[in-house]
Amino acid sequence: MAGEKVDLTGARETLLMTLYGKALESRLPNSLLQDRFADEAVKKIDYDFSKLKVDGNLGLGFAIRAVTLDAKVEDFLARNPDAIVLHLGCGLDTRIFRVDPPRGVDWFDVDYPDVIDLRRRLYPPRERYHLIGSSVTEPEWLAEVPRNRPAMVVAEGLTPYLPADEGPQLLARLVSHLAGGELMFDAYSNFGLKLMRLSPAIKVTGAEVSWAIEDPRELERAVPKLRFIGEIRSYKPERGARLGWSARLFVFLWKLIPAMRKVGRLLRYRF
C-alpha cells in the first residue's frame, strides 16, 4: 500500500519534525512517551524525514515536553471530569490517545484543514473527539466549542509561529468565550527564536517564527482575564540523564544563566 502523501510547507511542515522526534523516542526500550500512534503514523507517511535532521536529543526533548503537558492535562481532567480540552495547533500530535480522557470529556483538536484531513487518514475516530479544520487565528471556529464548561487549553509548539500581534488577540478571544479553566503553552524569548531559526528543520521548511514572550506577565496586561500561575518544570534529573553530552551542557547552561532560562519555557495560566 502506498504511503500517505503530504504536501505541507512552512510552519505546517514542522509538525512532521515533532511527530518524527516523538516516534523516534517511542521506539526506545525505556521510552518516556511510548507513543505507538506516532510511530505508526510515521511509517504510513510518504516523506523523507531524514532531511529534517531530527536526532535522539531532539526527539527526547519533544517527548519530555509532551509527557509534562500530558500529566497536567490528566490532573486537570481528574479534577474536572466534565471538562473540554482544546488542543490548538495540534498538528499530528496524539495527545488524546496518550491521555485517554474520561467519557465525560469533549476533546477538540484544531489545525489547518489540510492537517486535519491528514489526521483523519492517519488516526482512528473516538467518541466525543472533535476535529476542527481552521487556522487558530480565525475567530469563527470558536463557535463550535462549548462555553459553559471548564476548559483546558493546550498549545504545544504553536506560539512562535503566530504573528506577534495575533497571539494576544487569540488568547483574548479564548478567555472571553470559555467559562474558565487553564492555559498551557511553550513560549520563547527573542534569543530563543534566534536559536530556532538555526534549526535545520526550520531552514528546510522555510517556517517563520516571530512571537517572542520575554516576560510571562506581559500577557496578563495584554489579556486582563489571564492570571499567570507559573512555569512548568520538565527537565527532571532522571530525564536529563538520557540526553547526550551536548544537550546536557545546554541544560546546565540553561539552569545557570538567566537569559538561557528564558530561551524556551512552559507557561501555565488560569482564566
Protein backbone atom coordinates (compact mmCIF):
# COMPACT_ATOMS: atom_id res chain seq x y z
CA MET A 1 0.00 0.00 0.00
CA ALA A 2 1.37 3.42 -0.94
CA GLY A 3 2.17 5.79 1.91
CA GLU A 4 0.14 8.88 2.69
CA LYS A 5 1.35 11.76 0.55
CA VAL A 6 1.89 15.05 2.37
CA ASP A 7 2.15 18.46 0.77
CA LEU A 8 2.96 20.67 3.73
CA THR A 9 5.21 23.73 3.72
CA GLY A 10 6.37 26.36 6.19
CA ALA A 11 5.08 26.07 9.74
CA ARG A 12 2.76 23.20 8.72
CA GLU A 13 5.75 21.10 7.65
CA THR A 14 7.42 21.48 11.05
CA LEU A 15 4.70 19.26 12.56
CA LEU A 16 6.47 16.38 10.81
CA MET A 17 9.60 17.23 12.81
CA THR A 18 7.82 16.87 16.15
CA LEU A 19 5.94 13.77 15.02
CA TYR A 20 9.16 12.08 13.91
CA GLY A 21 11.02 13.05 17.08
CA LYS A 22 8.27 11.58 19.25
CA ALA A 23 8.21 8.45 17.12
CA LEU A 24 11.99 8.02 17.48
CA GLU A 25 11.81 8.39 21.26
CA SER A 26 8.89 5.97 21.42
CA ARG A 27 11.00 3.26 19.76
CA LEU A 28 13.47 3.26 22.65
CA PRO A 29 13.19 0.37 25.12
CA ASN A 30 12.97 2.84 28.02
CA SER A 31 10.71 5.33 26.22
CA LEU A 32 9.08 8.07 28.27
CA LEU A 33 6.33 8.71 25.75
CA GLN A 34 5.52 5.21 24.47
CA ASP A 35 3.55 6.78 21.63
CA ARG A 36 2.73 3.90 19.29
CA PHE A 37 0.31 6.07 17.30
CA ALA A 38 3.11 8.50 16.40
CA ASP A 39 5.39 5.64 15.38
CA GLU A 40 2.67 4.06 13.25
CA ALA A 41 1.87 7.41 11.62
CA VAL A 42 5.49 7.95 10.60
CA LYS A 43 5.51 4.53 8.93
CA LYS A 44 2.36 5.42 6.97
CA ILE A 45 3.57 8.78 5.65
CA ASP A 46 5.44 9.05 2.36
CA TYR A 47 8.03 11.68 3.31
CA ASP A 48 11.81 11.95 3.61
CA PHE A 49 12.09 12.55 7.35
CA SER A 50 15.90 12.43 7.19
CA LYS A 51 16.04 15.94 5.73
CA LEU A 52 14.67 17.37 9.00
CA LYS A 53 17.85 16.28 10.85
CA VAL A 54 15.98 15.12 13.95
CA ASP A 55 18.34 13.30 16.32
CA GLY A 56 17.84 11.43 19.58
CA ASN A 57 18.38 14.51 21.75
CA LEU A 58 15.72 16.48 19.91
CA GLY A 59 13.33 13.55 20.00
CA LEU A 60 13.84 13.18 23.73
CA GLY A 61 13.27 16.90 24.19
CA PHE A 62 9.94 16.64 22.37
CA ALA A 63 9.00 13.61 24.46
CA ILE A 64 9.86 15.34 27.75
CA ARG A 65 7.75 18.36 26.80
CA ALA A 66 4.87 16.14 25.73
CA VAL A 67 4.75 13.93 28.83
CA THR A 68 4.99 17.01 31.04
CA LEU A 69 1.96 18.59 29.38
CA ASP A 70 0.13 15.26 29.29
CA ALA A 71 0.45 14.98 33.06
CA LYS A 72 -1.01 18.47 33.58
CA VAL A 73 -3.95 17.66 31.30
CA GLU A 74 -4.59 14.42 33.18
CA ASP A 75 -4.51 16.26 36.51
CA PHE A 76 -6.99 18.88 35.25
CA LEU A 77 -9.37 16.21 33.95
CA ALA A 78 -9.16 14.30 37.23
CA ARG A 79 -10.44 17.47 38.93
CA ASN A 80 -12.90 18.35 36.14
CA PRO A 81 -14.28 15.13 34.59
CA ASP A 82 -16.88 17.10 32.59
CA ALA A 83 -14.33 19.46 31.05
CA ILE A 84 -13.42 20.23 27.48
CA VAL A 85 -9.87 20.06 26.13
CA LEU A 86 -8.90 22.49 23.42
CA HIS A 87 -5.71 21.45 21.63
CA LEU A 88 -4.57 24.39 19.48
CA GLY A 89 -2.27 23.78 16.53
CA CYS A 90 -2.50 20.06 17.24
CA GLY A 91 -0.52 19.03 14.16
CA LEU A 92 -0.20 15.26 14.22
CA ASP A 93 0.29 15.03 17.97
CA THR A 94 -1.56 12.10 19.52
CA ARG A 95 -2.21 13.56 22.97
CA ILE A 96 -5.84 12.41 23.03
CA PHE A 97 -4.72 8.78 22.69
CA ARG A 98 -1.95 9.14 25.27
CA VAL A 99 -4.19 10.85 27.83
CA ASP A 100 -7.27 8.72 27.02
CA PRO A 101 -9.71 11.19 28.64
CA PRO A 102 -12.74 10.16 30.72
CA ARG A 103 -16.01 9.60 28.87
CA GLY A 104 -17.47 12.92 30.05
CA VAL A 105 -14.77 14.98 28.32
CA ASP A 106 -15.17 16.59 24.92
CA TRP A 107 -11.85 16.99 23.14
CA PHE A 108 -11.23 19.46 20.28
CA ASP A 109 -8.16 19.31 18.04
CA VAL A 110 -7.73 22.46 15.94
CA ASP A 111 -5.40 22.98 12.99
CA TYR A 112 -5.39 23.94 9.32
CA PRO A 113 -7.88 21.99 7.15
CA ASP A 114 -5.18 20.06 5.27
CA VAL A 115 -3.58 19.00 8.57
CA ILE A 116 -6.96 17.87 9.94
CA ASP A 117 -7.62 15.91 6.72
CA LEU A 118 -4.29 14.13 7.22
CA ARG A 119 -5.18 13.36 10.85
CA ARG A 120 -8.43 11.75 9.68
CA ARG A 121 -6.49 9.45 7.38
CA LEU A 122 -3.90 8.50 9.99
CA TYR A 123 -5.78 8.18 13.29
CA PRO A 124 -8.97 6.40 14.35
CA PRO A 125 -12.11 8.30 15.39
CA ARG A 126 -13.22 8.41 19.02
CA GLU A 127 -16.42 9.21 20.82
CA ARG A 128 -16.61 12.90 21.80
CA TYR A 129 -13.48 13.67 19.80
CA HIS A 130 -13.93 16.70 17.54
CA LEU A 131 -11.65 17.83 14.72
CA ILE A 132 -11.82 21.47 13.58
CA GLY A 133 -10.12 22.46 10.34
CA SER A 134 -9.17 26.13 10.64
CA SER A 135 -6.30 28.45 11.33
CA VAL A 136 -6.35 29.01 15.08
CA THR A 137 -6.23 32.77 14.47
CA GLU A 138 -9.57 32.76 12.62
CA PRO A 139 -12.34 33.67 15.08
CA GLU A 140 -15.20 31.66 13.55
CA TRP A 141 -14.18 28.18 14.70
CA LEU A 142 -14.73 29.01 18.37
CA ALA A 143 -18.48 28.86 17.76
CA GLU A 144 -18.12 25.04 17.67
CA VAL A 145 -16.72 24.94 21.22
CA PRO A 146 -18.98 24.85 24.31
CA ARG A 147 -18.62 27.88 26.54
CA ASN A 148 -20.28 26.66 29.74
CA ARG A 149 -17.76 24.04 30.93
CA PRO A 150 -14.29 24.16 32.47
CA ALA A 151 -11.62 24.13 29.76
CA MET A 152 -8.03 23.01 29.49
CA VAL A 153 -6.34 24.80 26.58
CA VAL A 154 -3.03 23.39 25.33
CA ALA A 155 -0.81 24.85 22.62
CA GLU A 156 2.38 22.87 22.09
CA GLY A 157 4.86 24.14 19.54
CA LEU A 158 2.47 26.83 18.32
CA THR A 159 3.18 30.27 19.79
CA PRO A 160 6.47 31.11 18.00
CA TYR A 161 4.77 30.59 14.62
CA LEU A 162 1.96 33.06 15.39
CA PRO A 163 2.29 36.68 14.27
CA ALA A 164 3.23 38.74 17.33
CA ASP A 165 0.06 40.85 17.14
CA GLU A 166 -2.29 37.90 16.60
CA GLY A 167 -1.15 35.79 19.56
CA PRO A 168 -2.64 38.01 22.29
CA GLN A 169 -5.77 38.50 20.19
CA LEU A 170 -6.25 34.73 20.02
CA LEU A 171 -5.84 34.38 23.79
CA ALA A 172 -8.28 37.23 24.41
CA ARG A 173 -10.92 35.52 22.25
CA LEU A 174 -10.39 32.23 24.09
CA VAL A 175 -10.81 33.61 27.59
CA SER A 176 -13.82 35.68 26.52
CA HIS A 177 -15.54 32.64 25.00
CA LEU A 178 -14.73 29.99 27.61
CA ALA A 179 -16.26 29.81 31.10
CA GLY A 180 -12.88 29.37 32.79
CA GLY A 181 -10.01 26.96 33.14
CA GLU A 182 -6.31 26.73 32.42
CA LEU A 183 -3.99 27.52 29.52
CA MET A 184 -0.59 25.93 28.89
CA PHE A 185 1.92 26.55 26.12
CA ASP A 186 5.62 26.74 25.35
CA ALA A 187 6.99 30.26 24.88
CA TYR A 188 10.30 31.55 23.59
CA SER A 189 12.37 34.68 24.13
CA ASN A 190 13.83 36.68 21.25
CA PHE A 191 17.09 34.81 21.79
CA GLY A 192 15.12 31.57 21.73
CA LEU A 193 13.65 32.50 18.36
CA LYS A 194 17.15 33.19 17.04
CA LEU A 195 18.20 29.70 18.10
CA MET A 196 15.10 28.21 16.49
CA ARG A 197 15.99 29.87 13.19
CA LEU A 198 19.30 27.95 13.24
CA SER A 199 17.44 24.63 13.39
CA PRO A 200 17.88 22.51 10.24
CA ALA A 201 14.15 21.77 10.22
CA ILE A 202 13.27 25.48 10.28
CA LYS A 203 15.72 26.14 7.46
CA VAL A 204 14.49 23.22 5.36
CA THR A 205 10.80 24.02 5.76
CA GLY A 206 11.15 27.79 5.45
CA ALA A 207 9.00 28.28 8.54
CA GLU A 208 8.98 31.74 10.12
CA VAL A 209 8.98 32.35 13.87
CA SER A 210 8.02 35.78 15.16
CA TRP A 211 6.20 35.84 18.52
CA ALA A 212 8.59 36.15 21.44
CA ILE A 213 7.48 36.35 25.08
CA GLU A 214 10.17 37.78 27.33
CA ASP A 215 8.04 38.27 30.45
CA PRO A 216 5.14 35.85 31.11
CA ARG A 217 3.27 38.58 32.96
CA GLU A 218 3.12 40.75 29.87
CA LEU A 219 0.22 38.56 28.77
CA GLU A 220 -1.68 39.48 31.93
CA ARG A 221 -1.51 43.08 30.80
CA ALA A 222 -2.47 42.24 27.21
CA VAL A 223 -5.26 39.82 28.24
CA PRO A 224 -6.58 41.00 31.64
CA LYS A 225 -8.54 37.80 32.37
CA LEU A 226 -5.35 35.72 32.35
CA ARG A 227 -3.54 35.02 35.62
CA PHE A 228 -0.01 33.65 35.43
CA ILE A 229 0.34 30.55 37.63
CA GLY A 230 3.98 29.81 36.92
CA GLU A 231 6.43 27.88 34.79
CA ILE A 232 6.10 24.14 34.42
CA ARG A 233 9.38 22.39 35.12
CA SER A 234 10.03 19.48 32.79
CA TYR A 235 13.76 18.66 32.92
CA LYS A 236 13.96 16.39 35.93
CA PRO A 237 17.43 14.94 36.65
CA GLU A 238 16.43 11.40 35.70
CA ARG A 239 15.18 12.65 32.35
CA GLY A 240 18.18 14.85 31.66
CA ALA A 241 20.45 11.86 32.21
CA ARG A 242 19.11 10.37 28.99
CA LEU A 243 20.44 13.27 26.91
CA GLY A 244 23.71 13.29 25.03
CA TRP A 245 26.62 15.37 26.35
CA SER A 246 25.93 18.42 24.16
CA ALA A 247 22.29 18.55 25.22
CA ARG A 248 23.25 18.07 28.89
CA LEU A 249 25.66 21.01 28.54
CA PHE A 250 22.83 23.13 27.14
CA VAL A 251 20.57 22.20 30.07
CA PHE A 252 23.39 23.03 32.52
CA LEU A 253 23.86 26.48 30.96
CA TRP A 254 20.07 26.90 30.83
CA LYS A 255 19.93 26.48 34.61
CA LEU A 256 23.00 28.63 35.27
CA ILE A 257 22.40 31.67 33.05
CA PRO A 258 19.19 33.72 33.48
CA ALA A 259 19.00 34.66 29.78
CA MET A 260 19.21 30.99 28.84
CA ARG A 261 16.32 30.13 31.13
CA LYS A 262 14.08 32.35 29.02
CA VAL A 263 15.04 30.66 25.75
CA GLY A 264 12.11 28.25 25.95
CA ARG A 265 9.66 27.78 28.81
CA LEU A 266 6.41 26.00 29.53
CA LEU A 267 3.97 28.60 30.86
CA ARG A 268 0.74 28.00 32.75
CA TYR A 269 -2.16 30.43 33.23
CA ARG A 270 -5.58 30.42 34.82
CA PHE A 271 -8.59 32.32 33.49
